[in-house]
Amino acid sequence: MPQNSEGLNRLLLALAGLIGASGVGLAAAATHTGSEGLLGPASTMCLVHAPALLALRLTGNRIPTATAAGLVLALGTILFAGDLVSKQFLGTRLFPMAAPMGGILMIVGWLITAAGAFFRRRASE
């Protein structure tokens, strides 16, 4: 595996852990602050996508699009959840259309994952 790919895979693993931890923290914050409205969906997206990122990292040698899909999913999750958290705690969004953009990126990430079924790994990888 090329060294650059290894760096991206390490990043993907770190993002999986950070997004998972964020999901647990957001669930706790939603419960203890009574702010389920925005924190609940943010927590759910983090807790759903963190294991998916981990799975993509672990299967990257068999799914040709795994790293790209994982990075797009991670960015989408960060934008979506980050926008909801910003709105909850700061009263303002990250930037206009951040949550919808994050949602679109998550959909694209899942489609990139699906596209992996139609590509083969090169023999040298």
N, C-alpha and C. Protein backbone atom coordinates (compact mmCIF):
# COMPACT_ATOMS: atom_id res chain seq x y z
N MET A 1 0.85 -1.18 0.00
CA MET A 1 0.00 0.00 0.00
C MET A 1 0.89 1.23 0.00
N PRO A 2 0.61 2.20 -0.88
CA PRO A 2 1.42 3.41 -0.92
C PRO A 2 1.36 4.15 0.42
N GLN A 3 2.44 4.84 0.74
CA GLN A 3 2.54 5.53 2.03
C GLN A 3 1.45 6.58 2.21
N ASN A 4 1.09 7.29 1.14
CA ASN A 4 0.04 8.30 1.23
C ASN A 4 -1.29 7.66 1.62
N SER A 5 -1.59 6.49 1.07
CA SER A 5 -2.82 5.78 1.42
C SER A 5 -2.82 5.39 2.88
N GLU A 6 -1.67 5.00 3.39
CA GLU A 6 -1.59 4.62 4.81
C GLU A 6 -1.90 5.82 5.69
N GLY A 7 -1.42 6.99 5.31
CA GLY A 7 -1.72 8.20 6.07
C GLY A 7 -3.21 8.51 6.06
N LEU A 8 -3.84 8.35 4.91
CA LEU A 8 -5.28 8.58 4.82
C LEU A 8 -6.05 7.55 5.64
N ASN A 9 -5.58 6.31 5.65
CA ASN A 9 -6.24 5.27 6.44
C ASN A 9 -6.11 5.55 7.93
N ARG A 10 -4.96 6.05 8.34
CA ARG A 10 -4.79 6.42 9.76
C ARG A 10 -5.72 7.58 10.11
N LEU A 11 -5.85 8.54 9.21
CA LEU A 11 -6.76 9.65 9.42
C LEU A 11 -8.20 9.14 9.54
N LEU A 12 -8.56 8.21 8.68
CA LEU A 12 -9.91 7.65 8.71
C LEU A 12 -10.17 6.95 10.05
N LEU A 13 -9.20 6.21 10.54
CA LEU A 13 -9.34 5.55 11.84
C LEU A 13 -9.49 6.57 12.96
N ALA A 14 -8.69 7.62 12.93
CA ALA A 14 -8.78 8.67 13.95
C ALA A 14 -10.15 9.36 13.89
N LEU A 15 -10.62 9.65 12.69
CA LEU A 15 -11.93 10.28 12.54
C LEU A 15 -13.05 9.37 13.05
N ALA A 16 -12.94 8.07 12.80
CA ALA A 16 -13.95 7.12 13.30
C ALA A 16 -14.03 7.21 14.82
N GLY A 17 -12.89 7.21 15.48
CA GLY A 17 -12.86 7.29 16.93
C GLY A 17 -13.38 8.61 17.46
N LEU A 18 -12.97 9.70 16.84
CA LEU A 18 -13.40 11.03 17.29
C LEU A 18 -14.90 11.26 17.05
N ILE A 19 -15.38 10.81 15.91
CA ILE A 19 -16.80 10.96 15.62
C ILE A 19 -17.64 10.07 16.54
N GLY A 20 -17.16 8.86 16.82
CA GLY A 20 -17.86 7.99 17.76
C GLY A 20 -17.90 8.59 19.15
N ALA A 21 -16.78 9.09 19.62
CA ALA A 21 -16.73 9.73 20.94
C ALA A 21 -17.65 10.95 20.99
N SER A 22 -17.68 11.71 19.91
CA SER A 22 -18.57 12.86 19.84
C SER A 22 -20.03 12.44 19.92
N GLY A 23 -20.35 11.34 19.28
CA GLY A 23 -21.72 10.84 19.32
C GLY A 23 -22.16 10.49 20.73
N VAL A 24 -21.29 9.84 21.48
CA VAL A 24 -21.61 9.49 22.87
C VAL A 24 -21.74 10.77 23.71
N GLY A 25 -20.82 11.69 23.53
CA GLY A 25 -20.87 12.95 24.27
C GLY A 25 -22.12 13.76 23.95
N LEU A 26 -22.50 13.78 22.68
CA LEU A 26 -23.71 14.51 22.29
C LEU A 26 -24.96 13.85 22.84
N ALA A 27 -24.98 12.52 22.89
CA ALA A 27 -26.12 11.81 23.48
C ALA A 27 -26.24 12.16 24.95
N ALA A 28 -25.12 12.19 25.65
CA ALA A 28 -25.13 12.56 27.07
C ALA A 28 -25.58 14.00 27.25
N ALA A 29 -25.08 14.90 26.41
CA ALA A 29 -25.49 16.30 26.50
C ALA A 29 -26.98 16.46 26.23
N ALA A 30 -27.50 15.73 25.25
CA ALA A 30 -28.93 15.80 24.95
C ALA A 30 -29.76 15.33 26.13
N THR A 31 -29.30 14.28 26.78
CA THR A 31 -30.02 13.73 27.92
C THR A 31 -29.96 14.66 29.13
N HIS A 32 -28.79 15.15 29.43
CA HIS A 32 -28.60 15.93 30.66
C HIS A 32 -29.02 17.39 30.55
N THR A 33 -29.08 17.91 29.32
CA THR A 33 -29.50 19.30 29.16
C THR A 33 -30.95 19.41 28.72
N GLY A 34 -31.55 18.29 28.35
CA GLY A 34 -32.92 18.33 27.85
C GLY A 34 -33.02 18.96 26.48
N SER A 35 -31.90 19.00 25.76
CA SER A 35 -31.85 19.63 24.43
C SER A 35 -31.85 18.58 23.33
N GLU A 36 -32.78 17.67 23.39
CA GLU A 36 -32.85 16.57 22.42
C GLU A 36 -33.04 17.07 20.99
N GLY A 37 -33.73 18.21 20.82
CA GLY A 37 -34.10 18.70 19.50
C GLY A 37 -33.01 18.68 18.46
N LEU A 38 -31.88 19.31 18.72
CA LEU A 38 -30.78 19.34 17.75
C LEU A 38 -29.66 18.38 18.09
N LEU A 39 -29.44 18.13 19.37
CA LEU A 39 -28.33 17.27 19.76
C LEU A 39 -28.63 15.79 19.48
N GLY A 40 -29.89 15.41 19.56
CA GLY A 40 -30.26 14.02 19.27
C GLY A 40 -29.89 13.60 17.86
N PRO A 41 -30.33 14.36 16.84
CA PRO A 41 -29.95 13.98 15.47
C PRO A 41 -28.44 14.06 15.23
N ALA A 42 -27.77 15.02 15.85
CA ALA A 42 -26.31 15.12 15.70
C ALA A 42 -25.65 13.88 16.27
N SER A 43 -26.11 13.45 17.46
CA SER A 43 -25.57 12.26 18.09
C SER A 43 -25.83 11.02 17.23
N THR A 44 -27.04 10.91 16.73
CA THR A 44 -27.40 9.75 15.91
C THR A 44 -26.51 9.64 14.68
N MET A 45 -26.31 10.75 13.98
CA MET A 45 -25.47 10.71 12.78
C MET A 45 -24.04 10.29 13.12
N CYS A 46 -23.52 10.79 14.23
CA CYS A 46 -22.17 10.41 14.65
C CYS A 46 -22.10 8.93 15.01
N LEU A 47 -23.08 8.47 15.78
CA LEU A 47 -23.04 7.08 16.23
C LEU A 47 -23.33 6.08 15.11
N VAL A 48 -24.02 6.51 14.07
CA VAL A 48 -24.26 5.64 12.92
C VAL A 48 -23.03 5.59 12.02
N HIS A 49 -22.40 6.74 11.82
CA HIS A 49 -21.31 6.79 10.84
C HIS A 49 -19.95 6.38 11.41
N ALA A 50 -19.73 6.50 12.71
CA ALA A 50 -18.44 6.09 13.27
C ALA A 50 -18.15 4.61 13.01
N PRO A 51 -19.08 3.68 13.28
CA PRO A 51 -18.79 2.28 12.96
C PRO A 51 -18.63 2.04 11.46
N ALA A 52 -19.37 2.80 10.65
CA ALA A 52 -19.22 2.66 9.20
C ALA A 52 -17.82 3.09 8.77
N LEU A 53 -17.30 4.17 9.36
CA LEU A 53 -15.94 4.62 9.04
C LEU A 53 -14.92 3.57 9.46
N LEU A 54 -15.12 2.99 10.63
CA LEU A 54 -14.23 1.94 11.09
C LEU A 54 -14.27 0.74 10.14
N ALA A 55 -15.46 0.35 9.73
CA ALA A 55 -15.59 -0.78 8.81
C ALA A 55 -14.92 -0.48 7.47
N LEU A 56 -15.08 0.73 6.98
CA LEU A 56 -14.42 1.09 5.72
C LEU A 56 -12.91 1.07 5.87
N ARG A 57 -12.42 1.51 7.01
CA ARG A 57 -10.97 1.48 7.26
C ARG A 57 -10.47 0.04 7.28
N LEU A 58 -11.21 -0.83 7.96
CA LEU A 58 -10.78 -2.22 8.11
C LEU A 58 -10.91 -3.03 6.83
N THR A 59 -11.80 -2.63 5.93
CA THR A 59 -12.01 -3.39 4.69
C THR A 59 -11.41 -2.67 3.49
N GLY A 60 -10.66 -1.64 3.75
CA GLY A 60 -10.09 -0.84 2.67
C GLY A 60 -9.27 -1.63 1.66
N ASN A 61 -8.67 -2.74 2.10
CA ASN A 61 -7.88 -3.54 1.16
C ASN A 61 -8.76 -4.37 0.23
N ARG A 62 -10.07 -4.46 0.51
CA ARG A 62 -10.97 -5.23 -0.34
C ARG A 62 -11.98 -4.35 -1.07
N ILE A 63 -12.21 -3.16 -0.59
CA ILE A 63 -13.17 -2.25 -1.22
C ILE A 63 -12.38 -1.09 -1.82
N PRO A 64 -12.28 -1.03 -3.14
CA PRO A 64 -11.43 -0.02 -3.78
C PRO A 64 -11.79 1.42 -3.44
N THR A 65 -13.04 1.67 -3.14
CA THR A 65 -13.48 3.04 -2.88
C THR A 65 -13.58 3.36 -1.39
N ALA A 66 -13.11 2.46 -0.53
CA ALA A 66 -13.32 2.59 0.91
C ALA A 66 -12.74 3.87 1.50
N THR A 67 -11.51 4.19 1.17
CA THR A 67 -10.90 5.38 1.77
C THR A 67 -11.60 6.65 1.32
N ALA A 68 -11.85 6.76 0.02
CA ALA A 68 -12.56 7.95 -0.48
C ALA A 68 -13.95 8.05 0.13
N ALA A 69 -14.66 6.94 0.19
CA ALA A 69 -16.00 6.94 0.77
C ALA A 69 -15.95 7.35 2.24
N GLY A 70 -15.00 6.81 2.96
CA GLY A 70 -14.87 7.13 4.38
C GLY A 70 -14.58 8.59 4.63
N LEU A 71 -13.70 9.16 3.83
CA LEU A 71 -13.36 10.57 4.01
C LEU A 71 -14.55 11.47 3.69
N VAL A 72 -15.31 11.13 2.65
CA VAL A 72 -16.49 11.92 2.30
C VAL A 72 -17.56 11.77 3.39
N LEU A 73 -17.77 10.54 3.87
CA LEU A 73 -18.72 10.31 4.96
C LEU A 73 -18.32 11.09 6.21
N ALA A 74 -17.04 11.06 6.54
CA ALA A 74 -16.56 11.77 7.73
C ALA A 74 -16.79 13.27 7.60
N LEU A 75 -16.44 13.83 6.46
CA LEU A 75 -16.64 15.27 6.26
C LEU A 75 -18.12 15.63 6.35
N GLY A 76 -18.96 14.80 5.72
CA GLY A 76 -20.39 15.05 5.77
C GLY A 76 -20.93 14.99 7.19
N THR A 77 -20.49 14.00 7.95
CA THR A 77 -20.94 13.85 9.33
C THR A 77 -20.49 15.03 10.18
N ILE A 78 -19.26 15.46 10.00
CA ILE A 78 -18.73 16.60 10.75
C ILE A 78 -19.51 17.87 10.43
N LEU A 79 -19.79 18.10 9.16
CA LEU A 79 -20.55 19.29 8.78
C LEU A 79 -21.97 19.24 9.32
N PHE A 80 -22.63 18.09 9.16
CA PHE A 80 -24.02 17.97 9.60
C PHE A 80 -24.13 18.12 11.11
N ALA A 81 -23.39 17.30 11.83
CA ALA A 81 -23.46 17.34 13.29
C ALA A 81 -22.92 18.66 13.84
N GLY A 82 -21.83 19.13 13.25
CA GLY A 82 -21.24 20.39 13.71
C GLY A 82 -22.19 21.56 13.55
N ASP A 83 -22.95 21.57 12.47
CA ASP A 83 -23.90 22.66 12.27
C ASP A 83 -25.01 22.61 13.31
N LEU A 84 -25.52 21.42 13.61
CA LEU A 84 -26.57 21.30 14.63
C LEU A 84 -26.05 21.69 16.01
N VAL A 85 -24.85 21.25 16.34
CA VAL A 85 -24.26 21.58 17.64
C VAL A 85 -24.01 23.09 17.73
N SER A 86 -23.51 23.68 16.68
CA SER A 86 -23.28 25.12 16.66
C SER A 86 -24.58 25.88 16.87
N LYS A 87 -25.62 25.46 16.19
CA LYS A 87 -26.93 26.11 16.34
C LYS A 87 -27.44 25.96 17.78
N GLN A 88 -27.23 24.77 18.38
CA GLN A 88 -27.71 24.53 19.74
C GLN A 88 -26.97 25.38 20.77
N PHE A 89 -25.64 25.39 20.70
CA PHE A 89 -24.86 26.02 21.75
C PHE A 89 -24.47 27.47 21.47
N LEU A 90 -24.34 27.83 20.21
CA LEU A 90 -23.92 29.19 19.87
C LEU A 90 -25.07 30.04 19.32
N GLY A 91 -26.15 29.38 18.95
CA GLY A 91 -27.30 30.10 18.40
C GLY A 91 -27.14 30.48 16.95
N THR A 92 -26.08 30.01 16.31
CA THR A 92 -25.84 30.33 14.91
C THR A 92 -25.30 29.09 14.19
N ARG A 93 -25.50 29.02 12.94
CA ARG A 93 -25.03 27.89 12.13
C ARG A 93 -23.55 28.07 11.78
N LEU A 94 -22.89 26.98 11.40
CA LEU A 94 -21.49 27.06 10.97
C LEU A 94 -21.37 28.01 9.78
N PHE A 95 -22.20 27.79 8.79
CA PHE A 95 -22.33 28.66 7.62
C PHE A 95 -23.63 28.25 6.93
N PRO A 96 -24.18 29.11 6.07
CA PRO A 96 -25.45 28.76 5.42
C PRO A 96 -25.34 27.43 4.67
N MET A 97 -26.33 26.60 4.87
CA MET A 97 -26.45 25.30 4.19
C MET A 97 -25.42 24.27 4.64
N ALA A 98 -24.79 24.45 5.79
CA ALA A 98 -23.79 23.48 6.26
C ALA A 98 -24.42 22.12 6.52
N ALA A 99 -25.55 22.07 7.23
CA ALA A 99 -26.19 20.77 7.51
C ALA A 99 -26.68 20.09 6.23
N PRO A 100 -27.37 20.80 5.34
CA PRO A 100 -27.77 20.13 4.10
C PRO A 100 -26.57 19.66 3.26
N MET A 101 -25.51 20.46 3.25
CA MET A 101 -24.31 20.05 2.52
C MET A 101 -23.72 18.80 3.15
N GLY A 102 -23.70 18.76 4.48
CA GLY A 102 -23.21 17.57 5.16
C GLY A 102 -24.06 16.36 4.84
N GLY A 103 -25.38 16.54 4.81
CA GLY A 103 -26.28 15.43 4.46
C GLY A 103 -26.03 14.93 3.05
N ILE A 104 -25.84 15.85 2.13
CA ILE A 104 -25.55 15.46 0.74
C ILE A 104 -24.23 14.71 0.67
N LEU A 105 -23.23 15.18 1.39
CA LEU A 105 -21.93 14.48 1.39
C LEU A 105 -22.06 13.07 1.97
N MET A 106 -22.89 12.91 3.01
CA MET A 106 -23.09 11.57 3.56
C MET A 106 -23.74 10.66 2.52
N ILE A 107 -24.72 11.16 1.80
CA ILE A 107 -25.35 10.36 0.74
C ILE A 107 -24.32 10.00 -0.32
N VAL A 108 -23.53 10.97 -0.73
CA VAL A 108 -22.49 10.72 -1.73
C VAL A 108 -21.48 9.69 -1.22
N GLY A 109 -21.11 9.80 0.05
CA GLY A 109 -20.19 8.82 0.63
C GLY A 109 -20.72 7.40 0.57
N TRP A 110 -22.01 7.25 0.86
CA TRP A 110 -22.62 5.92 0.76
C TRP A 110 -22.67 5.45 -0.69
N LEU A 111 -22.91 6.36 -1.63
CA LEU A 111 -22.90 5.98 -3.05
C LEU A 111 -21.50 5.60 -3.52
N ILE A 112 -20.48 6.28 -3.01
CA ILE A 112 -19.10 5.91 -3.32
C ILE A 112 -18.80 4.52 -2.77
N THR A 113 -19.32 4.23 -1.59
CA THR A 113 -19.16 2.89 -1.02
C THR A 113 -19.79 1.86 -1.95
N ALA A 114 -21.01 2.12 -2.39
CA ALA A 114 -21.70 1.20 -3.29
C ALA A 114 -20.94 1.03 -4.61
N ALA A 115 -20.35 2.11 -5.10
CA ALA A 115 -19.60 2.05 -6.36
C ALA A 115 -18.41 1.09 -6.25
N GLY A 116 -17.92 0.88 -5.04
CA GLY A 116 -16.81 -0.05 -4.84
C GLY A 116 -17.11 -1.45 -5.32
N ALA A 117 -18.38 -1.80 -5.41
CA ALA A 117 -18.76 -3.13 -5.90
C ALA A 117 -18.44 -3.31 -7.38
N PHE A 118 -18.24 -2.21 -8.08
CA PHE A 118 -18.03 -2.27 -9.53
C PHE A 118 -16.59 -2.03 -9.95
N PHE A 119 -15.70 -1.87 -8.99
CA PHE A 119 -14.28 -1.65 -9.28
C PHE A 119 -13.47 -2.78 -8.67
N ARG A 120 -12.34 -3.06 -9.29
CA ARG A 120 -11.42 -4.06 -8.76
C ARG A 120 -10.17 -3.37 -8.29
N ARG A 121 -9.58 -3.94 -7.26
CA ARG A 121 -8.26 -3.46 -6.80
C ARG A 121 -7.22 -3.84 -7.83
N ARG A 122 -6.24 -2.99 -8.00
CA ARG A 122 -5.11 -3.34 -8.86
C ARG A 122 -4.29 -4.44 -8.19
N ALA A 123 -3.70 -5.28 -8.97
CA ALA A 123 -2.92 -6.42 -8.46
C ALA A 123 -1.77 -5.96 -7.58
N SER A 124 -1.22 -4.77 -7.82
CA SER A 124 -0.08 -4.29 -7.06
C SER A 124 -0.45 -3.78 -5.67
N GLU A 125 -1.74 -3.63 -5.38
CA GLU A 125 -2.14 -3.09 -4.08
C GLU A 125 -2.44 -4.19 -3.10
